[in-house]
Amino acid sequence: MNGRAAAVTGIAIAIVIMLLAFFLLGGIAQDPDGFQEGELTAPAINVIDGTVMEPSPVSGSDYSVHLKTSMSYTNVYQEFGGTIELFIENAGSNEVFVRSYSFNWEGHGDVFSVNCSEYISPGEEKGMGILYYEGPGTNGTTTFEIHMNLWASSPNGHFWNDKGILLVFSNEMECLLEPDPHAREIDRNPVGYYNRLNDLVEFEAVSDLAEKVLDTVPGDYGVLQVIEAYELIRAEFPYLSDTDDHWQSASETISLGTGDCEDHAILLSSLLTVLGGNCRINLISGHAFPTVYIGNSTSQALEVKENVQAFYGNQVPLFWIEDELGFWLVVDSVGMPYVGGYPSSSIPIGTNGGDSWNFESADWIVIIDVTGETVPGLVF
């Protein structure tokens, strides 16, 4: 066999080997189907008691207080607005009770409030809960005010005085422009990402976390368990950015006690799946976030929305992704500070929530069904 014939034969053999590898691996070009209609579970709607028990007995005396206040807030957009949380430290010697606090734009009629109903002992600091407020309708610098309804106890703690509505802050915020809606390019379950993420999902590793959730919210899988799982991961696993784009398994994140967005998404998806839910991990430019299935009808999605709003005590907008299987609620534990907030690296549009949001950069999304299983094929 001359050199040219040998070269041709070698190329032919190489092609045959590549074709065999292609068909044996199977998943190189064929993406897995993932979730199918009829096998998904929506969380049950839970009863949330919004009854407020005010302090008593009430006296006619005016008791002094010594408080230190601070606040945290998200980006503020001209129409959507943003969220804020008021923190109060009781630096005095008598207990206080914060019935509610509110937000308003100076010169605007709308007032947004949350019934926090928090007792604060001397030396204690507490957050008063997340409060959503709509934007002023214009971009640029705008003045806002925060008020609270405060009660103070007598020095011996036997009596209470309603001190009324007090001004806490008056300051300025920079309101940002909102972009026009953009179409998204969607890629569902590409085999490389599907295998990589589902190989890192670990259901047994989150059993202790699931027990914590069930200790707080026992019973069947429901909206309150979704919220508790989200709040647990957000509180116990601080966000820590990495520089080498290493994706941690659920057990590795639990061991380290911290992680970045992909790690949070993998851990929270593992936990919600163990509790009885169905999750997806969504990849966008520079970010990853989970979503959880909440039903296949608009009425189901709206019931979940009302349940979440009842938990937070105000009209927080909920964001989701809708497709042929139903509605998938955003549960980004490194994004907005409540269940259903729009994901990090995104921008809300208007005040309606739902799918009214854009990505900060690029207009593509890769959606991965969390099954805990892999298929033959490549891993990215």
Protein backbone atom coordinates (compact mmCIF):
# COMPACT_ATOMS: atom_id res chain seq x y z
CA MET A 1 0.00 0.00 0.00
CA ASN A 2 1.48 3.32 -1.06
CA GLY A 3 1.59 6.34 1.21
CA ARG A 4 -1.44 8.05 -0.33
CA ALA A 5 -3.61 4.95 -0.02
CA ALA A 6 -2.50 4.50 3.59
CA ALA A 7 -3.45 8.08 4.35
CA VAL A 8 -6.90 7.63 2.80
CA THR A 9 -7.40 4.41 4.76
CA GLY A 10 -6.36 6.16 7.97
CA ILE A 11 -8.85 8.98 7.36
CA ALA A 12 -11.62 6.48 6.65
CA ILE A 13 -10.88 4.58 9.87
CA ALA A 14 -10.89 7.83 11.83
CA ILE A 15 -14.28 8.78 10.37
CA VAL A 16 -15.70 5.35 11.25
CA ILE A 17 -14.42 5.70 14.82
CA MET A 18 -15.97 9.16 15.11
CA LEU A 19 -19.31 7.92 13.79
CA LEU A 20 -19.27 4.97 16.20
CA ALA A 21 -18.51 7.31 19.07
CA PHE A 22 -21.33 9.60 17.96
CA PHE A 23 -23.93 6.82 17.95
CA LEU A 24 -22.62 5.15 21.12
CA LEU A 25 -22.68 8.38 23.05
CA GLY A 26 -26.06 9.19 21.58
CA GLY A 27 -26.50 12.49 23.35
CA ILE A 28 -23.93 14.50 21.40
CA ALA A 29 -26.63 15.82 19.12
CA GLN A 30 -29.78 14.62 20.88
CA ASP A 31 -30.92 16.61 23.91
CA PRO A 32 -32.87 14.83 26.67
CA ASP A 33 -36.62 15.42 26.85
CA GLY A 34 -36.63 16.30 30.55
CA PHE A 35 -39.94 16.91 32.30
CA GLN A 36 -43.15 15.71 30.68
CA GLU A 37 -46.74 16.92 31.09
CA GLY A 38 -48.53 15.11 33.88
CA GLU A 39 -45.47 14.38 36.05
CA LEU A 40 -45.11 17.80 37.64
CA THR A 41 -46.29 18.78 41.14
CA ALA A 42 -47.42 22.28 42.06
CA PRO A 43 -47.12 23.42 45.70
CA ALA A 44 -50.30 23.43 47.76
CA ILE A 45 -51.76 26.75 48.87
CA ASN A 46 -51.25 27.32 52.60
CA VAL A 47 -53.39 29.22 55.09
CA ILE A 48 -51.55 32.29 56.41
CA ASP A 49 -52.96 34.04 59.46
CA GLY A 50 -52.60 37.81 59.07
CA THR A 51 -54.18 38.66 62.42
CA VAL A 52 -52.33 41.40 64.30
CA MET A 53 -52.37 41.36 68.12
CA GLU A 54 -51.64 44.87 69.36
CA PRO A 55 -50.06 45.43 72.81
CA SER A 56 -52.25 46.00 75.83
CA PRO A 57 -53.22 47.46 78.21
CA VAL A 58 -52.89 50.98 76.81
CA SER A 59 -52.27 53.94 79.09
CA GLY A 60 -52.44 57.67 78.48
CA SER A 61 -48.78 58.21 79.35
CA ASP A 62 -46.08 58.98 76.78
CA TYR A 63 -43.10 56.66 77.27
CA SER A 64 -39.71 57.65 75.81
CA VAL A 65 -37.77 55.50 73.34
CA HIS A 66 -34.22 55.45 72.03
CA LEU A 67 -33.98 53.84 68.60
CA LYS A 68 -31.35 53.54 65.88
CA THR A 69 -32.63 52.99 62.35
CA SER A 70 -31.10 51.90 59.06
CA MET A 71 -32.36 50.49 55.79
CA SER A 72 -31.35 48.36 52.83
CA TYR A 73 -32.84 48.67 49.37
CA THR A 74 -32.54 47.28 45.86
CA ASN A 75 -32.16 49.15 42.57
CA VAL A 76 -35.09 51.47 41.94
CA TYR A 77 -36.75 51.67 38.51
CA GLN A 78 -39.04 54.38 37.21
CA GLU A 79 -42.16 52.20 36.88
CA PHE A 80 -41.40 48.99 38.75
CA GLY A 81 -39.93 50.73 41.79
CA GLY A 82 -38.00 48.47 44.18
CA THR A 83 -37.93 46.92 47.63
CA ILE A 84 -36.72 48.24 50.94
CA GLU A 85 -36.27 46.85 54.44
CA LEU A 86 -36.24 48.95 57.60
CA PHE A 87 -33.98 47.83 60.47
CA ILE A 88 -34.54 49.07 64.01
CA GLU A 89 -32.21 48.73 66.98
CA ASN A 90 -33.72 49.34 70.41
CA ALA A 91 -31.02 51.29 72.24
CA GLY A 92 -33.35 52.18 75.11
CA SER A 93 -34.38 50.36 78.28
CA ASN A 94 -38.03 49.56 77.51
CA GLU A 95 -39.60 47.26 74.91
CA VAL A 96 -41.10 48.72 71.72
CA PHE A 97 -43.60 47.39 69.17
CA VAL A 98 -43.57 48.35 65.48
CA ARG A 99 -47.07 47.84 64.10
CA SER A 100 -46.20 48.79 60.52
CA TYR A 101 -43.98 50.92 58.35
CA SER A 102 -44.65 52.63 55.05
CA PHE A 103 -42.96 54.18 51.99
CA ASN A 104 -44.13 57.07 49.84
CA TRP A 105 -42.68 59.37 47.21
CA GLU A 106 -42.77 63.00 48.25
CA GLY A 107 -45.68 64.72 46.56
CA HIS A 108 -47.29 61.42 45.44
CA GLY A 109 -50.55 60.13 46.86
CA ASP A 110 -49.75 56.41 46.93
CA VAL A 111 -48.51 54.94 50.22
CA PHE A 112 -47.03 51.41 50.36
CA SER A 113 -47.00 49.69 53.74
CA VAL A 114 -46.29 46.38 55.46
CA ASN A 115 -47.79 45.18 58.72
CA CYS A 116 -44.65 43.91 60.43
CA SER A 117 -45.97 43.64 64.04
CA GLU A 118 -42.56 43.18 65.63
CA TYR A 119 -41.65 43.45 69.31
CA ILE A 120 -38.07 44.67 69.88
CA SER A 121 -36.48 44.14 73.28
CA PRO A 122 -33.82 46.47 74.72
CA GLY A 123 -30.47 45.87 72.99
CA GLU A 124 -32.09 43.96 70.11
CA GLU A 125 -32.05 44.80 66.40
CA LYS A 126 -34.62 43.45 63.96
CA GLY A 127 -35.55 43.76 60.31
CA MET A 128 -39.13 44.90 59.77
CA GLY A 129 -39.72 42.84 56.64
CA ILE A 130 -39.44 43.41 52.91
CA LEU A 131 -41.63 46.20 51.51
CA TYR A 132 -42.31 46.64 47.81
CA TYR A 133 -43.14 50.08 46.41
CA GLU A 134 -43.89 51.22 42.88
CA GLY A 135 -41.69 53.76 41.09
CA PRO A 136 -42.55 57.45 40.75
CA GLY A 137 -43.07 57.17 36.98
CA THR A 138 -39.99 59.20 36.08
CA ASN A 139 -36.27 58.54 36.13
CA GLY A 140 -33.73 60.65 37.97
CA THR A 141 -33.43 61.76 41.60
CA THR A 142 -36.65 61.67 43.64
CA THR A 143 -37.33 62.27 47.34
CA PHE A 144 -38.96 59.52 49.43
CA GLU A 145 -40.24 59.20 53.00
CA ILE A 146 -40.50 56.29 55.42
CA HIS A 147 -42.90 56.34 58.36
CA MET A 148 -43.67 53.80 61.08
CA ASN A 149 -46.42 53.17 63.62
CA LEU A 150 -44.56 52.81 66.92
CA TRP A 151 -45.70 51.68 70.37
CA ALA A 152 -43.62 51.96 73.56
CA SER A 153 -43.92 50.09 76.84
CA SER A 154 -43.72 51.57 80.30
CA PRO A 155 -40.42 51.14 82.20
CA ASN A 156 -41.88 48.18 84.10
CA GLY A 157 -43.42 46.70 80.92
CA HIS A 158 -46.98 46.71 82.32
CA PHE A 159 -48.50 49.36 80.04
CA TRP A 160 -48.23 50.55 76.43
CA ASN A 161 -48.52 53.82 74.57
CA ASP A 162 -49.35 54.18 70.86
CA LYS A 163 -46.97 56.91 69.71
CA GLY A 164 -48.72 57.15 66.34
CA ILE A 165 -47.17 57.52 62.88
CA LEU A 166 -43.59 58.82 63.06
CA LEU A 167 -41.26 59.96 60.26
CA VAL A 168 -38.19 57.70 60.10
CA PHE A 169 -36.37 58.84 56.94
CA SER A 170 -36.64 61.52 54.30
CA ASN A 171 -34.02 61.14 51.60
CA GLU A 172 -33.40 60.87 47.86
CA MET A 173 -33.15 57.90 45.50
CA GLU A 174 -31.91 57.60 41.94
CA CYS A 175 -34.63 56.01 39.77
CA LEU A 176 -33.38 54.10 36.72
CA LEU A 177 -34.83 53.86 33.22
CA GLU A 178 -36.48 50.60 32.16
CA PRO A 179 -35.76 49.09 28.73
CA ASP A 180 -38.31 47.98 26.17
CA PRO A 181 -39.16 44.24 26.23
CA HIS A 182 -36.84 41.98 24.22
CA ALA A 183 -37.49 38.56 22.72
CA ARG A 184 -35.51 35.68 24.25
CA GLU A 185 -33.69 32.88 22.51
CA ILE A 186 -34.48 29.74 24.53
CA ASP A 187 -32.47 26.52 24.56
CA ARG A 188 -33.93 23.73 26.71
CA ASN A 189 -31.88 20.84 28.06
CA PRO A 190 -28.79 20.92 25.80
CA VAL A 191 -27.14 17.67 26.76
CA GLY A 192 -23.80 19.11 27.88
CA TYR A 193 -25.27 21.50 30.42
CA TYR A 194 -28.00 19.00 31.35
CA ASN A 195 -25.42 16.41 32.34
CA ARG A 196 -23.11 18.86 34.07
CA LEU A 197 -25.81 20.34 36.29
CA ASN A 198 -27.69 17.13 37.06
CA ASP A 199 -24.45 15.45 38.00
CA LEU A 200 -23.99 18.14 40.70
CA VAL A 201 -27.57 17.93 42.00
CA GLU A 202 -27.60 15.69 45.09
CA PHE A 203 -30.84 14.80 46.80
CA GLU A 204 -29.44 12.78 49.72
CA ALA A 205 -26.98 15.57 50.58
CA VAL A 206 -29.81 18.00 51.41
CA SER A 207 -31.75 15.69 53.74
CA ASP A 208 -30.74 17.65 56.86
CA LEU A 209 -31.78 20.93 55.23
CA ALA A 210 -35.10 19.36 54.25
CA GLU A 211 -35.64 18.34 57.88
CA LYS A 212 -35.04 21.95 58.96
CA VAL A 213 -37.70 23.14 56.53
CA LEU A 214 -40.16 20.46 57.66
CA ASP A 215 -39.54 21.24 61.32
CA THR A 216 -40.64 24.82 60.64
CA VAL A 217 -43.35 24.03 58.06
CA PRO A 218 -44.56 20.44 58.54
CA GLY A 219 -47.02 18.70 56.25
CA ASP A 220 -47.36 18.24 52.52
CA TYR A 221 -45.36 20.18 49.97
CA GLY A 222 -46.72 23.73 49.79
CA VAL A 223 -45.97 27.38 49.15
CA LEU A 224 -44.72 27.99 52.70
CA GLN A 225 -42.12 25.22 52.31
CA VAL A 226 -40.89 26.87 49.09
CA ILE A 227 -40.54 30.16 50.95
CA GLU A 228 -38.86 28.56 53.97
CA ALA A 229 -36.36 26.69 51.75
CA TYR A 230 -35.52 29.89 49.88
CA GLU A 231 -35.09 31.90 53.10
CA LEU A 232 -32.96 29.11 54.63
CA ILE A 233 -30.51 28.95 51.72
CA ARG A 234 -30.33 32.74 51.49
CA ALA A 235 -29.62 33.09 55.23
CA GLU A 236 -27.21 30.18 55.82
CA PHE A 237 -25.12 30.21 52.62
CA PRO A 238 -23.65 33.67 51.95
CA TYR A 239 -22.91 34.51 48.34
CA LEU A 240 -19.23 34.30 47.42
CA SER A 241 -18.09 34.94 43.87
CA ASP A 242 -15.44 32.69 42.37
CA THR A 243 -12.93 33.53 39.67
CA ASP A 244 -12.44 30.11 38.09
CA ASP A 245 -16.13 29.33 37.34
CA HIS A 246 -16.03 26.18 39.44
CA TRP A 247 -19.52 24.73 39.90
CA GLN A 248 -19.96 23.08 43.30
CA SER A 249 -22.11 20.05 44.01
CA ALA A 250 -24.83 20.40 46.62
CA SER A 251 -22.70 18.57 49.20
CA GLU A 252 -19.66 20.74 48.47
CA THR A 253 -21.68 23.93 49.01
CA ILE A 254 -23.05 22.54 52.29
CA SER A 255 -19.52 21.67 53.40
CA LEU A 256 -18.07 25.07 52.47
CA GLY A 257 -21.08 27.04 53.75
CA THR A 258 -20.98 29.45 50.83
CA GLY A 259 -21.17 29.60 47.05
CA ASP A 260 -21.89 31.70 43.98
CA CYS A 261 -25.02 31.82 41.85
CA GLU A 262 -24.60 28.40 40.20
CA ASP A 263 -23.91 26.81 43.59
CA HIS A 264 -26.99 28.43 45.13
CA ALA A 265 -29.12 27.29 42.18
CA ILE A 266 -27.89 23.69 42.44
CA LEU A 267 -28.38 23.57 46.22
CA LEU A 268 -31.83 25.18 46.31
CA SER A 269 -33.07 23.07 43.38
CA SER A 270 -31.88 19.92 45.16
CA LEU A 271 -33.70 20.97 48.33
CA LEU A 272 -36.99 21.92 46.66
CA THR A 273 -37.00 18.66 44.70
CA VAL A 274 -36.58 16.63 47.90
CA LEU A 275 -39.46 18.56 49.47
CA GLY A 276 -41.68 17.46 46.56
CA GLY A 277 -41.27 20.14 43.91
CA ASN A 278 -39.97 20.30 40.35
CA CYS A 279 -37.19 22.74 39.52
CA ARG A 280 -35.18 24.10 36.66
CA ILE A 281 -31.81 25.80 36.62
CA ASN A 282 -31.68 28.70 34.18
CA LEU A 283 -28.45 30.00 32.69
CA ILE A 284 -28.22 33.54 31.34
CA SER A 285 -25.22 35.72 30.54
CA GLY A 286 -23.14 35.90 33.72
CA HIS A 287 -25.74 34.30 36.01
CA ALA A 288 -27.64 31.15 36.98
CA PHE A 289 -30.90 30.97 38.93
CA PRO A 290 -33.53 28.35 39.78
CA THR A 291 -37.24 28.31 39.05
CA VAL A 292 -39.88 26.07 40.63
CA TYR A 293 -43.06 24.74 39.01
CA ILE A 294 -46.26 26.34 40.39
CA GLY A 295 -48.97 25.00 38.06
CA ASN A 296 -50.17 24.83 34.47
CA SER A 297 -52.89 27.49 34.59
CA THR A 298 -53.05 31.22 35.16
CA SER A 299 -55.43 30.68 38.07
CA GLN A 300 -52.91 28.43 39.84
CA ALA A 301 -50.12 30.95 39.31
CA LEU A 302 -52.30 33.75 40.71
CA GLU A 303 -53.19 31.66 43.78
CA VAL A 304 -49.49 31.13 44.47
CA LYS A 305 -48.92 34.85 43.95
CA GLU A 306 -51.58 35.75 46.54
CA ASN A 307 -50.14 33.19 48.98
CA VAL A 308 -46.62 34.60 48.67
CA GLN A 309 -47.91 38.16 49.05
CA ALA A 310 -49.84 37.14 52.18
CA PHE A 311 -46.62 35.76 53.67
CA TYR A 312 -44.65 38.97 53.03
CA GLY A 313 -47.58 41.16 54.05
CA ASN A 314 -47.59 43.38 50.95
CA GLN A 315 -48.01 43.31 47.17
CA VAL A 316 -44.59 42.04 46.09
CA PRO A 317 -44.64 41.37 42.31
CA LEU A 318 -43.91 37.77 41.33
CA PHE A 319 -41.90 36.86 38.24
CA TRP A 320 -41.99 33.59 36.36
CA ILE A 321 -41.23 31.85 33.09
CA GLU A 322 -44.21 30.41 31.21
CA ASP A 323 -44.00 27.61 28.64
CA GLU A 324 -46.10 24.71 27.34
CA LEU A 325 -45.80 22.88 30.67
CA GLY A 326 -46.94 25.79 32.83
CA PHE A 327 -45.53 28.46 35.13
CA TRP A 328 -42.06 28.38 36.71
CA LEU A 329 -41.60 30.81 39.60
CA VAL A 330 -38.23 32.57 39.99
CA VAL A 331 -36.58 31.62 43.31
CA ASP A 332 -33.21 33.34 42.95
CA SER A 333 -31.61 33.26 46.42
CA VAL A 334 -28.90 35.72 45.32
CA GLY A 335 -31.34 38.04 43.53
CA MET A 336 -34.23 40.08 44.91
CA PRO A 337 -34.75 39.48 48.65
CA TYR A 338 -38.03 37.59 48.38
CA VAL A 339 -39.48 34.52 46.68
CA GLY A 340 -40.63 35.42 43.17
CA GLY A 341 -38.46 38.50 42.73
CA TYR A 342 -36.87 39.05 39.32
CA PRO A 343 -33.48 37.31 38.95
CA SER A 344 -30.11 38.96 39.35
CA SER A 345 -28.53 40.27 36.12
CA SER A 346 -32.03 41.23 34.97
CA ILE A 347 -34.17 44.37 34.77
CA PRO A 348 -37.91 44.53 35.53
CA ILE A 349 -40.37 46.20 33.18
CA GLY A 350 -43.47 47.82 34.65
CA THR A 351 -45.26 46.74 37.82
CA ASN A 352 -47.05 43.56 36.73
CA GLY A 353 -44.32 40.95 37.32
CA GLY A 354 -44.92 37.71 35.39
CA ASP A 355 -42.55 37.52 32.44
CA SER A 356 -42.06 41.31 32.24
CA TRP A 357 -38.28 41.42 32.63
CA ASN A 358 -35.18 41.61 30.45
CA PHE A 359 -31.65 40.37 30.89
CA GLU A 360 -28.99 43.00 31.55
CA SER A 361 -26.85 41.65 28.71
CA ALA A 362 -27.61 39.25 25.84
CA ASP A 363 -31.08 37.83 25.11
CA TRP A 364 -30.60 34.10 25.50
CA ILE A 365 -31.49 31.63 28.23
CA VAL A 366 -30.57 27.97 28.69
CA ILE A 367 -33.18 26.06 30.71
CA ILE A 368 -32.21 22.81 32.43
CA ASP A 369 -34.74 20.45 34.03
CA VAL A 370 -33.48 19.24 37.41
CA THR A 371 -33.95 15.46 37.46
CA GLY A 372 -30.78 14.29 39.17
CA GLU A 373 -30.16 12.01 36.20
CA THR A 374 -27.68 12.16 33.33
CA VAL A 375 -27.83 10.74 29.83
CA PRO A 376 -25.11 9.47 27.46
CA GLY A 377 -23.38 12.43 25.91
CA LEU A 378 -20.84 15.15 26.43
CA VAL A 379 -20.48 17.37 29.50
CA PHE A 380 -19.65 21.09 29.14
